[in-house]
Amino acid sequence: MPTKKEGSTEYSTQEVTSNLMISDQSSRNLCSLYYITVATKPHPILDKIIERTKKNGETIHILGLHENRTIGWEGHQNFGVKLREVSDFLKNPDLNPDDIILFTDAYDVVYCGTQKEIIEEYQKFNKPIIFGAEKQCNPDPSRASQYKFTNTEFPYLNSGMFIGKVWALRKCIQDYKYNDRDDDQRFWTTQFFENPDLIELDYNNRIFLNTVNMDDRFFYLDKEDYICIYRSSNPMFVHVNGPDKTPLNSY
């Protein structure tokens, strides 16, 4: 496990042990929300996410700390670790099939909401898995023609943020075989096309906003109170997707 850097947050896979309990409207049962992220090294953006969850009295599970190496855009685009860690977490027998998993990237995300607000928005969607949407079709631009709603501002799947029921996520990832060089966005894009009854995109940024090529004229972020506005929406996570992370300096 990485050692704590001077002045930084101490990392643990058990930052908070309690989970938000939710009344599941479809099954009329109580279920839990698990907020997970994958981080293989300490990072100041992750420190801010942890600080926010602690301030809210919420749960976050940090996966992958044992790796102690650089991955993703900061490494060699080896995103397979994200898929492996999510897959392994979903194998936990203590998870209820109706429990909800909230995933965000660790190094390029600003958390603006609360888990209670996130669940309220999530329950308004019609499908059990919701991914953030972006303006570019990556990593395979040739697949753009497969998307149905290309007349929207954010028509394409982005894998950096999602929320979904355990049973539905298990169905998508249960056969995954780990390869360090895998691209998680390619994997989840394939799942999106193969499981149209399970996965929906957050086209209107009700929970997730991906910033690449967005229209900055309509974007507002209150850094003191962590309130985000984009057009008529109040996204609860802002993701600076792609390799250029310089906008994070102003967030």
Protein backbone atom coordinates (compact mmCIF):
# COMPACT_ATOMS: atom_id res chain seq x y z
CA MET A 1 0.00 0.00 0.00
CA PRO A 2 1.37 3.48 -0.77
CA THR A 3 2.72 5.39 2.18
CA LYS A 4 1.04 8.60 3.19
CA LYS A 5 2.62 11.68 1.65
CA GLU A 6 3.30 14.67 3.87
CA GLY A 7 0.15 16.75 4.20
CA SER A 8 -2.03 14.33 2.21
CA THR A 9 -4.97 12.16 3.14
CA GLU A 10 -4.17 8.71 4.53
CA TYR A 11 -5.43 6.11 2.06
CA SER A 12 -7.30 2.97 2.97
CA THR A 13 -9.63 0.56 1.23
CA GLN A 14 -11.95 1.12 4.21
CA GLU A 15 -12.03 4.91 4.40
CA VAL A 16 -15.57 4.75 5.75
CA THR A 17 -17.29 1.53 6.77
CA SER A 18 -20.98 2.49 6.73
CA ASN A 19 -23.08 2.53 3.56
CA LEU A 20 -26.06 4.64 2.53
CA MET A 21 -29.23 2.59 2.87
CA ILE A 22 -31.78 3.07 0.10
CA SER A 23 -35.40 2.10 -0.26
CA ASP A 24 -35.49 0.25 -3.58
CA GLN A 25 -38.70 1.35 -5.29
CA SER A 26 -38.76 -1.60 -7.69
CA SER A 27 -38.33 -4.40 -5.15
CA ARG A 28 -39.55 -2.58 -2.02
CA ASN A 29 -36.42 -3.78 -0.22
CA LEU A 30 -33.62 -1.88 1.45
CA CYS A 31 -30.33 -1.90 -0.41
CA SER A 32 -26.92 -0.28 0.01
CA LEU A 33 -24.93 2.15 -2.09
CA TYR A 34 -21.22 1.47 -2.53
CA TYR A 35 -19.08 4.28 -3.93
CA ILE A 36 -15.92 2.76 -5.41
CA THR A 37 -12.91 4.09 -7.25
CA VAL A 38 -9.62 2.64 -8.50
CA ALA A 39 -6.39 4.32 -7.42
CA THR A 40 -2.97 2.72 -7.62
CA LYS A 41 -1.08 5.71 -6.17
CA PRO A 42 -1.83 8.72 -3.97
CA HIS A 43 -3.20 11.75 -5.79
CA PRO A 44 -4.36 15.23 -4.69
CA ILE A 45 -7.65 14.95 -6.63
CA LEU A 46 -8.44 11.70 -4.83
CA ASP A 47 -7.65 13.47 -1.55
CA LYS A 48 -10.38 16.00 -2.39
CA ILE A 49 -12.90 13.25 -3.17
CA ILE A 50 -12.15 11.55 0.15
CA GLU A 51 -12.46 14.88 1.95
CA ARG A 52 -15.84 15.46 0.32
CA THR A 53 -17.19 12.02 1.23
CA LYS A 54 -16.03 12.41 4.81
CA LYS A 55 -17.66 15.82 5.01
CA ASN A 56 -20.91 14.24 3.78
CA GLY A 57 -20.56 11.30 6.18
CA GLU A 58 -20.45 8.90 3.23
CA THR A 59 -18.69 5.76 2.04
CA ILE A 60 -15.89 5.36 -0.48
CA HIS A 61 -13.95 2.18 -1.21
CA ILE A 62 -10.55 2.71 -2.83
CA LEU A 63 -9.52 -0.29 -4.91
CA GLY A 64 -6.14 -1.12 -6.44
CA LEU A 65 -3.85 0.46 -3.85
CA HIS A 66 -1.75 -2.70 -3.71
CA GLU A 67 -0.58 -2.03 -7.28
CA ASN A 68 1.56 0.98 -6.30
CA ARG A 69 2.23 1.91 -9.94
CA THR A 70 1.09 4.43 -12.51
CA ILE A 71 -1.80 3.48 -14.78
CA GLY A 72 -4.13 5.10 -17.28
CA TRP A 73 -3.28 8.43 -18.88
CA GLU A 74 -0.45 8.92 -16.40
CA GLY A 75 1.03 5.56 -17.35
CA HIS A 76 0.78 3.56 -20.57
CA GLN A 77 -3.01 3.72 -20.94
CA ASN A 78 -3.20 0.37 -19.14
CA PHE A 79 -6.84 0.64 -18.11
CA GLY A 80 -7.38 -3.09 -17.54
CA VAL A 81 -6.76 -2.64 -13.82
CA LYS A 82 -10.00 -0.66 -13.56
CA LEU A 83 -11.98 -3.51 -15.09
CA ARG A 84 -10.30 -6.13 -12.91
CA GLU A 85 -10.88 -4.23 -9.68
CA VAL A 86 -14.55 -3.54 -10.47
CA SER A 87 -15.04 -7.18 -11.46
CA ASP A 88 -13.41 -8.42 -8.25
CA PHE A 89 -15.48 -6.06 -6.10
CA LEU A 90 -18.68 -7.35 -7.69
CA LYS A 91 -17.71 -10.91 -6.76
CA ASN A 92 -18.10 -10.08 -3.08
CA PRO A 93 -20.76 -12.55 -1.83
CA ASP A 94 -21.96 -10.03 0.77
CA LEU A 95 -23.34 -7.76 -1.96
CA ASN A 96 -27.09 -7.88 -2.47
CA PRO A 97 -28.11 -8.13 -6.17
CA ASP A 98 -30.17 -4.95 -5.73
CA ASP A 99 -27.32 -3.01 -4.10
CA ILE A 100 -26.08 -0.04 -6.12
CA ILE A 101 -22.50 0.54 -7.23
CA LEU A 102 -21.33 4.08 -7.93
CA PHE A 103 -17.99 4.26 -9.75
CA THR A 104 -15.90 7.27 -10.68
CA ASP A 105 -12.31 7.72 -11.74
CA ALA A 106 -9.98 8.81 -8.96
CA TYR A 107 -7.59 11.35 -10.46
CA ASP A 108 -9.70 13.67 -12.64
CA VAL A 109 -13.14 13.98 -11.02
CA VAL A 110 -14.72 16.70 -8.90
CA TYR A 111 -17.48 15.52 -6.56
CA CYS A 112 -20.20 18.15 -6.14
CA GLY A 113 -23.25 16.39 -4.74
CA THR A 114 -24.30 13.96 -2.06
CA GLN A 115 -25.10 10.28 -2.35
CA LYS A 116 -28.70 10.97 -1.38
CA GLU A 117 -29.04 13.41 -4.33
CA ILE A 118 -27.33 10.94 -6.66
CA ILE A 119 -29.78 8.18 -5.75
CA GLU A 120 -32.75 10.50 -6.23
CA GLU A 121 -31.59 11.21 -9.80
CA TYR A 122 -30.60 7.61 -10.50
CA GLN A 123 -34.06 6.35 -9.61
CA LYS A 124 -35.56 8.59 -12.32
CA PHE A 125 -33.80 6.62 -15.08
CA ASN A 126 -35.43 3.62 -16.73
CA LYS A 127 -32.47 1.23 -16.88
CA PRO A 128 -30.34 -0.33 -14.14
CA ILE A 129 -26.94 0.98 -15.35
CA ILE A 130 -26.22 4.62 -16.18
CA PHE A 131 -22.96 5.84 -17.73
CA GLY A 132 -21.79 9.38 -18.25
CA ALA A 133 -21.87 10.66 -21.82
CA GLU A 134 -19.26 12.63 -23.76
CA LYS A 135 -18.96 14.57 -27.00
CA GLN A 136 -16.34 12.35 -28.69
CA CYS A 137 -16.54 8.71 -29.69
CA ASN A 138 -13.49 7.12 -28.11
CA PRO A 139 -11.43 5.00 -28.33
CA ASP A 140 -12.98 3.83 -31.64
CA PRO A 141 -14.42 6.75 -33.64
CA SER A 142 -15.65 4.27 -36.26
CA ARG A 143 -18.32 3.11 -33.81
CA ALA A 144 -20.01 6.53 -33.79
CA SER A 145 -22.51 5.35 -36.40
CA GLN A 146 -23.76 2.66 -33.98
CA TYR A 147 -25.07 5.26 -31.55
CA LYS A 148 -28.74 6.21 -31.89
CA PHE A 149 -28.96 9.66 -30.33
CA THR A 150 -26.20 11.54 -32.11
CA ASN A 151 -28.25 14.74 -32.29
CA THR A 152 -27.65 15.36 -28.57
CA GLU A 153 -24.71 17.37 -27.21
CA PHE A 154 -23.21 14.36 -25.43
CA PRO A 155 -24.07 11.26 -27.49
CA TYR A 156 -21.23 8.83 -26.66
CA LEU A 157 -20.43 6.62 -23.68
CA ASN A 158 -17.67 7.60 -21.29
CA SER A 159 -16.53 4.92 -18.84
CA GLY A 160 -15.04 7.21 -16.20
CA MET A 161 -18.29 7.43 -14.22
CA PHE A 162 -21.23 5.07 -13.87
CA ILE A 163 -23.85 3.86 -11.44
CA GLY A 164 -25.77 0.60 -11.53
CA LYS A 165 -27.38 -2.34 -9.81
CA VAL A 166 -25.08 -5.17 -8.76
CA TRP A 167 -27.04 -7.83 -10.67
CA ALA A 168 -26.89 -5.86 -13.93
CA LEU A 169 -23.20 -5.00 -13.64
CA ARG A 170 -22.40 -8.64 -12.85
CA LYS A 171 -24.20 -9.72 -16.00
CA CYS A 172 -22.02 -7.38 -18.07
CA ILE A 173 -18.64 -8.11 -16.50
CA GLN A 174 -18.88 -11.66 -15.15
CA ASP A 175 -16.93 -13.18 -18.06
CA TYR A 176 -14.18 -10.55 -18.11
CA LYS A 177 -10.64 -11.95 -18.37
CA TYR A 178 -7.99 -9.55 -17.12
CA ASN A 179 -5.53 -7.99 -19.53
CA ASP A 180 -3.52 -5.03 -18.27
CA ARG A 181 -3.62 -3.35 -21.67
CA ASP A 182 -7.40 -3.48 -22.01
CA ASP A 183 -9.26 -0.24 -22.60
CA ASP A 184 -12.15 0.01 -20.14
CA GLN A 185 -14.06 2.43 -22.37
CA ARG A 186 -13.89 -0.01 -25.31
CA PHE A 187 -15.13 -2.79 -23.01
CA TRP A 188 -18.08 -0.81 -21.66
CA THR A 189 -18.96 0.55 -25.11
CA THR A 190 -19.29 -3.04 -26.32
CA GLN A 191 -21.46 -3.86 -23.31
CA PHE A 192 -23.63 -0.83 -24.08
CA PHE A 193 -24.35 -2.08 -27.60
CA GLU A 194 -24.78 -5.70 -26.54
CA ASN A 195 -27.05 -4.94 -23.57
CA PRO A 196 -29.39 -2.13 -24.64
CA ASP A 197 -31.93 -3.24 -22.05
CA LEU A 198 -29.42 -2.73 -19.22
CA ILE A 199 -27.41 0.41 -20.01
CA GLU A 200 -28.49 4.00 -20.55
CA LEU A 201 -26.41 7.16 -20.95
CA ASP A 202 -26.79 10.31 -18.89
CA TYR A 203 -27.32 12.46 -21.99
CA ASN A 204 -28.49 15.50 -20.02
CA ASN A 205 -25.78 15.46 -17.32
CA ARG A 206 -28.19 14.87 -14.47
CA ILE A 207 -25.49 13.02 -12.52
CA PHE A 208 -22.33 13.01 -14.64
CA LEU A 209 -20.66 15.73 -16.74
CA ASN A 210 -17.67 15.03 -18.99
CA THR A 211 -15.94 18.28 -19.85
CA VAL A 212 -13.99 17.72 -23.08
CA ASN A 213 -15.34 20.10 -25.76
CA MET A 214 -18.24 21.26 -23.61
CA ASP A 215 -19.42 24.83 -24.08
CA ASP A 216 -17.70 26.71 -21.25
CA ARG A 217 -20.17 29.60 -21.53
CA PHE A 218 -22.80 27.42 -19.85
CA PHE A 219 -20.56 25.93 -17.15
CA TYR A 220 -20.36 27.17 -13.57
CA LEU A 221 -18.60 25.58 -10.60
CA ASP A 222 -18.72 27.04 -7.12
CA LYS A 223 -15.49 25.76 -5.59
CA GLU A 224 -16.48 26.79 -2.07
CA ASP A 225 -19.87 25.07 -1.90
CA TYR A 226 -19.22 22.52 -4.69
CA ILE A 227 -22.24 23.45 -6.75
CA CYS A 228 -22.05 22.69 -10.47
CA ILE A 229 -24.32 23.99 -13.21
CA TYR A 230 -24.19 23.11 -16.90
CA ARG A 231 -26.99 24.57 -18.98
CA SER A 232 -30.14 23.53 -17.11
CA SER A 233 -28.57 20.61 -15.20
CA ASN A 234 -26.81 20.27 -11.86
CA PRO A 235 -24.35 17.38 -12.38
CA MET A 236 -22.91 15.91 -9.20
CA PHE A 237 -19.66 14.75 -10.74
CA VAL A 238 -17.44 16.72 -13.12
CA HIS A 239 -14.99 14.54 -15.06
CA VAL A 240 -12.07 16.08 -16.96
CA ASN A 241 -11.92 13.18 -19.40
CA GLY A 242 -9.08 12.54 -21.82
CA PRO A 243 -5.32 13.03 -21.45
CA ASP A 244 -5.32 16.82 -20.87
CA LYS A 245 -5.93 17.42 -17.16
CA THR A 246 -4.99 21.10 -17.02
CA PRO A 247 -8.62 22.25 -16.48
CA LEU A 248 -8.45 20.59 -13.07
CA ASN A 249 -6.14 23.42 -12.00
CA SER A 250 -9.09 25.81 -12.11
CA TYR A 251 -11.52 23.45 -10.36
